[in-house]
Amino acid sequence: MADGGQTGTSVDSSADIDLSYVTLAEAQTYFNNILNTDNWDDATEGDKIKALVMATKAIDRLNFLGKKTVSTQSFQFPRYNDTSVPQDIKDAVCEEALVLVGGADITMEKEAARMTGQGFGSVRTAFDVELVTLHLSAGLVSAVAFNIIKPYLRLPSNIDIIKI
């Protein structure tokens, strides 16, 4: 993924490197070394690849520090003068993919995070529309993934001014 390219459109194991920061083989190595990966282990190869692609897209939407190594590269990484994607970014993709392959959905997670009360008799539910955790507001379902990449992100209060 050193060139940051995105050439393929089909989702199969030979094309997964063109659609994600992490290959299926890299993801499997990552998951072989951590606990609680039943959702990943039980998923089909196709679903695993789809989850990696979706995770990469979600992470790539974030506002990262610095700029792309090559301005025309499709993905946000590598950055600066790097020639490869940092392992933290790959790990974050794996963590996001893990929750996605388990059926997590960003919209439903945001709704659940806003719930402040619930009833049963006479059915009542209360929501706080302002209450959403930082990782969900950034567009990631996995708090673990967000915490891994947080050092790479611009603060929301930072503004870059470019003189033209």
N, C-alpha and C. Protein backbone atom coordinates (compact mmCIF):
# COMPACT_ATOMS: atom_id res chain seq x y z
N MET A 1 0.81 -1.19 0.00
CA MET A 1 0.00 0.00 0.00
C MET A 1 0.85 1.25 0.00
N ALA A 2 2.13 1.12 -0.26
CA ALA A 2 3.02 2.27 -0.20
C ALA A 2 2.61 3.38 -1.14
N ASP A 3 1.97 3.04 -2.25
CA ASP A 3 1.58 4.09 -3.19
C ASP A 3 0.21 4.68 -2.87
N GLY A 4 -0.50 4.09 -1.89
CA GLY A 4 -1.80 4.63 -1.51
C GLY A 4 -2.83 4.43 -2.58
N GLY A 5 -2.58 3.55 -3.52
CA GLY A 5 -3.47 3.38 -4.66
C GLY A 5 -4.75 2.68 -4.32
N GLN A 6 -5.74 2.88 -5.17
CA GLN A 6 -7.04 2.29 -5.04
C GLN A 6 -7.47 1.89 -6.43
N THR A 7 -6.96 0.77 -6.94
CA THR A 7 -7.19 0.46 -8.33
C THR A 7 -8.33 -0.49 -8.56
N GLY A 8 -8.55 -1.44 -7.68
CA GLY A 8 -9.56 -2.46 -7.91
C GLY A 8 -10.94 -2.01 -7.49
N THR A 9 -11.96 -2.66 -8.07
CA THR A 9 -13.32 -2.39 -7.65
C THR A 9 -13.98 -3.63 -7.09
N SER A 10 -13.50 -4.80 -7.43
CA SER A 10 -14.07 -6.01 -6.88
C SER A 10 -13.49 -6.26 -5.50
N VAL A 11 -14.23 -7.01 -4.72
CA VAL A 11 -13.77 -7.30 -3.37
C VAL A 11 -13.43 -8.78 -3.30
N ASP A 12 -12.16 -9.10 -3.53
CA ASP A 12 -11.68 -10.46 -3.36
C ASP A 12 -10.31 -10.40 -2.71
N SER A 13 -9.79 -11.54 -2.29
CA SER A 13 -8.56 -11.53 -1.51
C SER A 13 -7.36 -11.03 -2.28
N SER A 14 -7.38 -11.11 -3.61
CA SER A 14 -6.24 -10.61 -4.38
C SER A 14 -6.29 -9.09 -4.55
N ALA A 15 -7.48 -8.51 -4.42
CA ALA A 15 -7.62 -7.07 -4.63
C ALA A 15 -7.69 -6.29 -3.32
N ASP A 16 -7.71 -7.01 -2.19
CA ASP A 16 -7.95 -6.30 -0.94
C ASP A 16 -6.88 -5.29 -0.60
N ILE A 17 -5.67 -5.46 -1.05
CA ILE A 17 -4.61 -4.48 -0.75
C ILE A 17 -4.86 -3.16 -1.48
N ASP A 18 -5.58 -3.18 -2.59
CA ASP A 18 -5.87 -1.96 -3.32
C ASP A 18 -7.04 -1.19 -2.73
N LEU A 19 -7.79 -1.83 -1.83
CA LEU A 19 -8.99 -1.21 -1.29
C LEU A 19 -8.88 -0.90 0.21
N SER A 20 -7.83 -1.34 0.83
CA SER A 20 -7.68 -1.19 2.27
C SER A 20 -6.22 -0.99 2.64
N TYR A 21 -6.01 -0.41 3.81
CA TYR A 21 -4.65 -0.28 4.33
C TYR A 21 -4.09 -1.62 4.78
N VAL A 22 -4.97 -2.60 4.96
CA VAL A 22 -4.59 -3.88 5.54
C VAL A 22 -5.03 -5.02 4.62
N THR A 23 -4.13 -5.93 4.34
CA THR A 23 -4.50 -7.12 3.58
C THR A 23 -5.21 -8.10 4.51
N LEU A 24 -5.90 -9.04 3.93
CA LEU A 24 -6.55 -10.07 4.72
C LEU A 24 -5.53 -10.86 5.54
N ALA A 25 -4.39 -11.14 4.96
CA ALA A 25 -3.34 -11.88 5.66
C ALA A 25 -2.80 -11.07 6.85
N GLU A 26 -2.59 -9.77 6.65
CA GLU A 26 -2.12 -8.91 7.75
C GLU A 26 -3.15 -8.86 8.88
N ALA A 27 -4.42 -8.75 8.50
CA ALA A 27 -5.48 -8.71 9.51
C ALA A 27 -5.52 -10.02 10.29
N GLN A 28 -5.39 -11.13 9.59
CA GLN A 28 -5.43 -12.42 10.28
C GLN A 28 -4.27 -12.55 11.26
N THR A 29 -3.10 -12.08 10.87
CA THR A 29 -1.95 -12.10 11.78
C THR A 29 -2.24 -11.25 13.02
N TYR A 30 -2.83 -10.08 12.81
CA TYR A 30 -3.19 -9.20 13.92
C TYR A 30 -4.15 -9.92 14.87
N PHE A 31 -5.21 -10.53 14.32
CA PHE A 31 -6.22 -11.17 15.14
C PHE A 31 -5.73 -12.45 15.80
N ASN A 32 -4.72 -13.09 15.24
CA ASN A 32 -4.14 -14.28 15.86
C ASN A 32 -3.46 -13.95 17.18
N ASN A 33 -3.18 -12.68 17.41
CA ASN A 33 -2.42 -12.27 18.59
C ASN A 33 -3.24 -11.51 19.63
N ILE A 34 -4.57 -11.44 19.45
CA ILE A 34 -5.39 -10.75 20.44
C ILE A 34 -6.58 -11.64 20.83
N LEU A 35 -7.19 -11.31 21.96
CA LEU A 35 -8.34 -12.06 22.47
C LEU A 35 -9.65 -11.52 21.92
N ASN A 36 -10.71 -12.29 22.10
CA ASN A 36 -12.08 -11.88 21.78
C ASN A 36 -12.29 -11.51 20.32
N THR A 37 -11.87 -12.40 19.45
CA THR A 37 -12.02 -12.16 18.01
C THR A 37 -13.01 -13.12 17.37
N ASP A 38 -13.96 -13.64 18.15
CA ASP A 38 -14.91 -14.62 17.63
C ASP A 38 -15.67 -14.11 16.41
N ASN A 39 -16.07 -12.84 16.42
CA ASN A 39 -16.79 -12.30 15.25
C ASN A 39 -15.93 -12.38 14.00
N TRP A 40 -14.66 -12.08 14.13
CA TRP A 40 -13.74 -12.16 13.00
C TRP A 40 -13.55 -13.61 12.57
N ASP A 41 -13.30 -14.47 13.55
CA ASP A 41 -13.03 -15.87 13.27
C ASP A 41 -14.22 -16.55 12.57
N ASP A 42 -15.43 -16.15 12.92
CA ASP A 42 -16.64 -16.78 12.38
C ASP A 42 -17.09 -16.18 11.04
N ALA A 43 -16.53 -15.05 10.65
CA ALA A 43 -16.95 -14.36 9.43
C ALA A 43 -16.40 -15.04 8.18
N THR A 44 -17.09 -14.86 7.07
CA THR A 44 -16.61 -15.37 5.80
C THR A 44 -15.46 -14.49 5.31
N GLU A 45 -14.67 -15.02 4.41
CA GLU A 45 -13.56 -14.24 3.85
C GLU A 45 -14.09 -12.97 3.18
N GLY A 46 -15.19 -13.09 2.46
CA GLY A 46 -15.77 -11.93 1.80
C GLY A 46 -16.20 -10.85 2.77
N ASP A 47 -16.81 -11.26 3.88
CA ASP A 47 -17.23 -10.28 4.89
C ASP A 47 -16.03 -9.64 5.58
N LYS A 48 -14.97 -10.40 5.79
CA LYS A 48 -13.76 -9.85 6.40
C LYS A 48 -13.18 -8.76 5.50
N ILE A 49 -13.11 -9.05 4.22
CA ILE A 49 -12.56 -8.06 3.27
C ILE A 49 -13.45 -6.82 3.22
N LYS A 50 -14.76 -7.02 3.18
CA LYS A 50 -15.68 -5.89 3.18
C LYS A 50 -15.50 -5.03 4.43
N ALA A 51 -15.32 -5.69 5.58
CA ALA A 51 -15.12 -4.95 6.83
C ALA A 51 -13.82 -4.15 6.80
N LEU A 52 -12.76 -4.74 6.25
CA LEU A 52 -11.48 -4.02 6.13
C LEU A 52 -11.62 -2.80 5.21
N VAL A 53 -12.33 -2.97 4.12
CA VAL A 53 -12.55 -1.86 3.18
C VAL A 53 -13.38 -0.76 3.85
N MET A 54 -14.46 -1.15 4.52
CA MET A 54 -15.30 -0.16 5.21
C MET A 54 -14.52 0.56 6.30
N ALA A 55 -13.71 -0.17 7.05
CA ALA A 55 -12.91 0.43 8.11
C ALA A 55 -11.91 1.42 7.55
N THR A 56 -11.27 1.05 6.45
CA THR A 56 -10.31 1.95 5.80
C THR A 56 -11.01 3.23 5.36
N LYS A 57 -12.17 3.10 4.76
CA LYS A 57 -12.91 4.29 4.30
C LYS A 57 -13.29 5.19 5.47
N ALA A 58 -13.75 4.59 6.56
CA ALA A 58 -14.14 5.39 7.73
C ALA A 58 -12.94 6.13 8.31
N ILE A 59 -11.82 5.44 8.43
CA ILE A 59 -10.61 6.06 8.97
C ILE A 59 -10.08 7.13 8.02
N ASP A 60 -10.16 6.88 6.74
CA ASP A 60 -9.64 7.83 5.77
C ASP A 60 -10.42 9.14 5.72
N ARG A 61 -11.62 9.17 6.27
CA ARG A 61 -12.44 10.39 6.30
C ARG A 61 -12.01 11.35 7.41
N LEU A 62 -11.16 10.90 8.31
CA LEU A 62 -10.75 11.73 9.44
C LEU A 62 -9.75 12.81 9.01
N ASN A 63 -9.61 13.79 9.85
CA ASN A 63 -8.75 14.94 9.57
C ASN A 63 -7.38 14.72 10.23
N PHE A 64 -6.43 14.25 9.43
CA PHE A 64 -5.11 13.89 9.96
C PHE A 64 -4.14 15.06 9.92
N LEU A 65 -3.17 15.00 10.81
CA LEU A 65 -2.07 15.97 10.81
C LEU A 65 -1.23 15.80 9.55
N GLY A 66 -0.64 16.86 9.10
CA GLY A 66 0.27 16.80 7.97
C GLY A 66 -0.44 16.63 6.65
N LYS A 67 0.32 16.21 5.66
CA LYS A 67 -0.26 16.02 4.33
C LYS A 67 0.25 14.72 3.73
N LYS A 68 -0.43 14.30 2.68
CA LYS A 68 -0.09 13.07 1.99
C LYS A 68 1.34 13.14 1.47
N THR A 69 2.00 11.98 1.40
CA THR A 69 3.35 11.93 0.83
C THR A 69 3.32 12.38 -0.62
N VAL A 70 2.34 11.88 -1.36
CA VAL A 70 2.14 12.26 -2.76
C VAL A 70 0.73 12.81 -2.86
N SER A 71 0.58 14.01 -3.35
CA SER A 71 -0.73 14.67 -3.34
C SER A 71 -1.80 13.91 -4.12
N THR A 72 -1.40 13.08 -5.07
CA THR A 72 -2.38 12.37 -5.89
C THR A 72 -2.75 10.98 -5.36
N GLN A 73 -2.16 10.57 -4.23
CA GLN A 73 -2.48 9.24 -3.71
C GLN A 73 -3.94 9.20 -3.25
N SER A 74 -4.55 8.05 -3.39
CA SER A 74 -5.97 7.90 -3.07
C SER A 74 -6.26 7.94 -1.58
N PHE A 75 -5.40 7.33 -0.79
CA PHE A 75 -5.61 7.26 0.65
C PHE A 75 -4.85 8.37 1.38
N GLN A 76 -5.21 8.58 2.64
CA GLN A 76 -4.57 9.60 3.47
C GLN A 76 -3.13 9.23 3.87
N PHE A 77 -2.83 7.95 3.90
CA PHE A 77 -1.49 7.48 4.26
C PHE A 77 -0.88 6.75 3.09
N PRO A 78 0.44 6.85 2.97
CA PRO A 78 1.43 7.43 3.88
C PRO A 78 1.39 8.96 3.86
N ARG A 79 1.96 9.56 4.90
CA ARG A 79 2.01 11.01 5.06
C ARG A 79 3.45 11.47 5.24
N TYR A 80 3.63 12.76 5.09
CA TYR A 80 4.96 13.38 5.19
C TYR A 80 5.88 12.73 4.14
N ASN A 81 7.03 12.29 4.55
CA ASN A 81 7.96 11.64 3.63
C ASN A 81 7.98 10.13 3.81
N ASP A 82 6.96 9.59 4.47
CA ASP A 82 6.90 8.14 4.70
C ASP A 82 6.67 7.41 3.38
N THR A 83 7.09 6.17 3.35
CA THR A 83 6.86 5.33 2.18
C THR A 83 5.90 4.19 2.49
N SER A 84 5.48 4.10 3.76
CA SER A 84 4.55 3.04 4.14
C SER A 84 3.52 3.56 5.14
N VAL A 85 2.49 2.77 5.34
CA VAL A 85 1.43 3.12 6.27
C VAL A 85 1.88 2.74 7.69
N PRO A 86 1.75 3.64 8.66
CA PRO A 86 2.15 3.30 10.04
C PRO A 86 1.37 2.10 10.57
N GLN A 87 2.02 1.30 11.40
CA GLN A 87 1.37 0.12 11.96
C GLN A 87 0.15 0.51 12.80
N ASP A 88 0.19 1.65 13.47
CA ASP A 88 -0.97 2.10 14.24
C ASP A 88 -2.21 2.24 13.36
N ILE A 89 -2.05 2.76 12.17
CA ILE A 89 -3.18 2.93 11.27
C ILE A 89 -3.71 1.56 10.85
N LYS A 90 -2.83 0.64 10.55
CA LYS A 90 -3.24 -0.73 10.20
C LYS A 90 -3.96 -1.39 11.37
N ASP A 91 -3.44 -1.21 12.58
CA ASP A 91 -4.08 -1.78 13.77
C ASP A 91 -5.48 -1.20 13.96
N ALA A 92 -5.61 0.10 13.76
CA ALA A 92 -6.91 0.75 13.90
C ALA A 92 -7.90 0.22 12.87
N VAL A 93 -7.45 -0.02 11.65
CA VAL A 93 -8.32 -0.61 10.63
C VAL A 93 -8.80 -1.98 11.09
N CYS A 94 -7.90 -2.77 11.64
CA CYS A 94 -8.28 -4.10 12.14
C CYS A 94 -9.31 -4.00 13.26
N GLU A 95 -9.10 -3.10 14.19
CA GLU A 95 -10.03 -2.94 15.30
C GLU A 95 -11.41 -2.47 14.83
N GLU A 96 -11.43 -1.55 13.89
CA GLU A 96 -12.71 -1.08 13.34
C GLU A 96 -13.39 -2.21 12.57
N ALA A 97 -12.62 -2.95 11.79
CA ALA A 97 -13.17 -4.08 11.03
C ALA A 97 -13.75 -5.14 11.95
N LEU A 98 -13.13 -5.36 13.09
CA LEU A 98 -13.61 -6.36 14.04
C LEU A 98 -15.03 -6.05 14.50
N VAL A 99 -15.31 -4.80 14.83
CA VAL A 99 -16.67 -4.46 15.27
C VAL A 99 -17.64 -4.42 14.10
N LEU A 100 -17.16 -4.03 12.94
CA LEU A 100 -18.03 -4.01 11.76
C LEU A 100 -18.46 -5.41 11.35
N VAL A 101 -17.51 -6.35 11.34
CA VAL A 101 -17.83 -7.72 10.95
C VAL A 101 -18.77 -8.36 11.98
N GLY A 102 -18.79 -7.81 13.18
CA GLY A 102 -19.71 -8.29 14.22
C GLY A 102 -21.10 -7.71 14.10
N GLY A 103 -21.31 -6.84 13.12
CA GLY A 103 -22.65 -6.30 12.87
C GLY A 103 -22.88 -4.89 13.39
N ALA A 104 -21.85 -4.25 13.91
CA ALA A 104 -22.02 -2.88 14.40
C ALA A 104 -22.30 -1.94 13.24
N ASP A 105 -23.13 -0.95 13.51
CA ASP A 105 -23.52 0.04 12.51
C ASP A 105 -23.41 1.42 13.15
N ILE A 106 -22.74 2.33 12.50
CA ILE A 106 -22.47 3.65 13.09
C ILE A 106 -23.76 4.39 13.45
N THR A 107 -24.77 4.31 12.60
CA THR A 107 -26.03 5.01 12.86
C THR A 107 -26.71 4.46 14.10
N MET A 108 -26.78 3.15 14.20
CA MET A 108 -27.43 2.53 15.37
C MET A 108 -26.62 2.78 16.64
N GLU A 109 -25.30 2.78 16.53
CA GLU A 109 -24.45 3.04 17.70
C GLU A 109 -24.64 4.47 18.19
N LYS A 110 -24.78 5.42 17.26
CA LYS A 110 -25.01 6.81 17.67
C LYS A 110 -26.35 6.94 18.38
N GLU A 111 -27.38 6.28 17.87
CA GLU A 111 -28.69 6.33 18.52
C GLU A 111 -28.62 5.72 19.91
N ALA A 112 -27.94 4.58 20.03
CA ALA A 112 -27.83 3.92 21.33
C ALA A 112 -27.05 4.79 22.32
N ALA A 113 -26.04 5.49 21.84
CA ALA A 113 -25.24 6.35 22.73
C ALA A 113 -26.04 7.54 23.24
N ARG A 114 -27.02 7.97 22.48
CA ARG A 114 -27.83 9.12 22.87
C ARG A 114 -28.93 8.76 23.87
N MET A 115 -29.20 7.48 24.02
CA MET A 115 -30.27 7.06 24.91
C MET A 115 -29.87 7.31 26.36
N THR A 116 -30.71 8.06 27.07
CA THR A 116 -30.42 8.37 28.47
C THR A 116 -31.39 7.68 29.41
N GLY A 117 -32.46 7.17 28.90
CA GLY A 117 -33.43 6.49 29.73
C GLY A 117 -34.27 5.56 28.90
N GLN A 118 -34.88 4.60 29.56
CA GLN A 118 -35.71 3.65 28.85
C GLN A 118 -36.76 3.16 29.82
N GLY A 119 -37.89 2.80 29.34
CA GLY A 119 -38.95 2.27 30.20
C GLY A 119 -39.44 0.95 29.66
N PHE A 120 -40.38 0.41 30.34
CA PHE A 120 -40.99 -0.82 29.85
C PHE A 120 -42.50 -0.70 29.94
N GLY A 121 -43.01 -0.50 31.15
CA GLY A 121 -44.43 -0.23 31.30
C GLY A 121 -44.75 1.13 30.74
N SER A 122 -45.76 1.23 29.94
CA SER A 122 -46.15 2.45 29.23
C SER A 122 -45.05 2.94 28.29
N VAL A 123 -44.16 2.10 27.92
CA VAL A 123 -43.07 2.33 26.96
C VAL A 123 -42.64 3.78 26.86
N ARG A 124 -41.49 4.09 27.41
CA ARG A 124 -40.94 5.44 27.32
C ARG A 124 -39.43 5.33 27.10
N THR A 125 -38.91 6.21 26.33
CA THR A 125 -37.48 6.27 26.04
C THR A 125 -37.08 7.73 25.99
N ALA A 126 -35.91 8.05 26.52
CA ALA A 126 -35.42 9.43 26.50
C ALA A 126 -34.06 9.47 25.80
N PHE A 127 -33.88 10.50 24.99
CA PHE A 127 -32.63 10.67 24.25
C PHE A 127 -32.07 12.06 24.50
N ASP A 128 -30.75 12.14 24.52
CA ASP A 128 -30.05 13.42 24.60
C ASP A 128 -29.34 13.59 23.26
N VAL A 129 -29.86 14.46 22.40
CA VAL A 129 -29.32 14.60 21.05
C VAL A 129 -27.90 15.16 21.04
N GLU A 130 -27.46 15.76 22.13
CA GLU A 130 -26.11 16.29 22.21
C GLU A 130 -25.09 15.25 22.64
N LEU A 131 -25.56 14.13 23.16
CA LEU A 131 -24.69 13.13 23.76
C LEU A 131 -24.26 12.09 22.71
N VAL A 132 -23.04 12.18 22.27
CA VAL A 132 -22.43 11.18 21.40
C VAL A 132 -20.96 11.14 21.76
N THR A 133 -20.42 9.94 21.91
CA THR A 133 -19.02 9.82 22.28
C THR A 133 -18.12 10.32 21.14
N LEU A 134 -16.90 10.64 21.48
CA LEU A 134 -15.96 11.23 20.52
C LEU A 134 -15.71 10.32 19.33
N HIS A 135 -15.51 9.02 19.56
CA HIS A 135 -15.23 8.12 18.45
C HIS A 135 -16.42 8.00 17.51
N LEU A 136 -17.64 8.00 18.06
CA LEU A 136 -18.82 7.92 17.20
C LEU A 136 -19.01 9.21 16.40
N SER A 137 -18.76 10.35 17.03
CA SER A 137 -18.90 11.61 16.30
C SER A 137 -17.85 11.72 15.19
N ALA A 138 -16.72 11.03 15.36
CA ALA A 138 -15.69 11.01 14.32
C ALA A 138 -16.04 10.04 13.19
N GLY A 139 -17.03 9.17 13.43
CA GLY A 139 -17.45 8.24 12.39
C GLY A 139 -16.91 6.83 12.56
N LEU A 140 -16.32 6.53 13.71
CA LEU A 140 -15.81 5.19 13.98
C LEU A 140 -16.66 4.51 15.03
N VAL A 141 -16.94 3.24 14.82
CA VAL A 141 -17.71 2.46 15.78
C VAL A 141 -16.82 2.01 16.93
N SER A 142 -15.57 1.75 16.65
CA SER A 142 -14.64 1.22 17.65
C SER A 142 -13.90 2.32 18.40
N ALA A 143 -14.12 2.37 19.71
CA ALA A 143 -13.37 3.31 20.54
C ALA A 143 -11.90 2.93 20.57
N VAL A 144 -11.61 1.64 20.49
CA VAL A 144 -10.22 1.17 20.47
C VAL A 144 -9.51 1.72 19.23
N ALA A 145 -10.14 1.60 18.08
CA ALA A 145 -9.55 2.11 16.83
C ALA A 145 -9.30 3.62 16.94
N PHE A 146 -10.28 4.34 17.46
CA PHE A 146 -10.14 5.79 17.59
C PHE A 146 -8.98 6.15 18.51
N ASN A 147 -8.86 5.46 19.62
CA ASN A 147 -7.77 5.75 20.56
C ASN A 147 -6.40 5.45 19.97
N ILE A 148 -6.32 4.46 19.10
CA ILE A 148 -5.05 4.14 18.45
C ILE A 148 -4.62 5.27 17.53
N ILE A 149 -5.56 5.83 16.78
CA ILE A 149 -5.18 6.83 15.77
C ILE A 149 -5.27 8.27 16.28
N LYS A 150 -5.74 8.46 17.50
CA LYS A 150 -5.90 9.82 18.02
C LYS A 150 -4.64 10.67 17.91
N PRO A 151 -3.43 10.13 18.15
CA PRO A 151 -2.23 10.97 18.02
C PRO A 151 -1.98 11.46 16.59
N TYR A 152 -2.59 10.86 15.61
CA TYR A 152 -2.40 11.24 14.21
C TYR A 152 -3.41 12.30 13.76
N LEU A 153 -4.37 12.61 14.60
CA LEU A 153 -5.47 13.50 14.21
C LEU A 153 -5.22 14.95 14.60
N ARG A 154 -5.75 15.84 13.78
CA ARG A 154 -5.76 17.26 14.12
C ARG A 154 -6.82 17.46 15.18
N LEU A 155 -6.58 18.40 16.07
CA LEU A 155 -7.61 18.77 17.03
C LEU A 155 -8.71 19.49 16.27
N PRO A 156 -9.97 19.29 16.66
CA PRO A 156 -11.06 19.96 15.96
C PRO A 156 -10.93 21.48 15.99
N SER A 157 -10.23 22.01 16.98
CA SER A 157 -10.08 23.46 17.10
C SER A 157 -8.96 24.01 16.22
N ASN A 158 -8.12 23.12 15.65
CA ASN A 158 -7.02 23.59 14.81
C ASN A 158 -7.53 23.96 13.42
N ILE A 159 -7.04 25.06 12.92
CA ILE A 159 -7.39 25.51 11.58
C ILE A 159 -6.08 25.82 10.84
N ASP A 160 -5.92 25.26 9.67
CA ASP A 160 -4.75 25.57 8.85
C ASP A 160 -5.11 26.74 7.93
N ILE A 161 -4.27 27.73 7.92
CA ILE A 161 -4.46 28.88 7.02
C ILE A 161 -3.40 28.78 5.95
N ILE A 162 -3.87 28.77 4.72
CA ILE A 162 -2.96 28.65 3.58
C ILE A 162 -3.04 29.94 2.78
N LYS A 163 -1.89 30.58 2.59
CA LYS A 163 -1.83 31.82 1.83
C LYS A 163 -1.73 31.45 0.34
N ILE A 164 -2.61 32.03 -0.43
CA ILE A 164 -2.63 31.75 -1.87
C ILE A 164 -2.03 32.90 -2.63
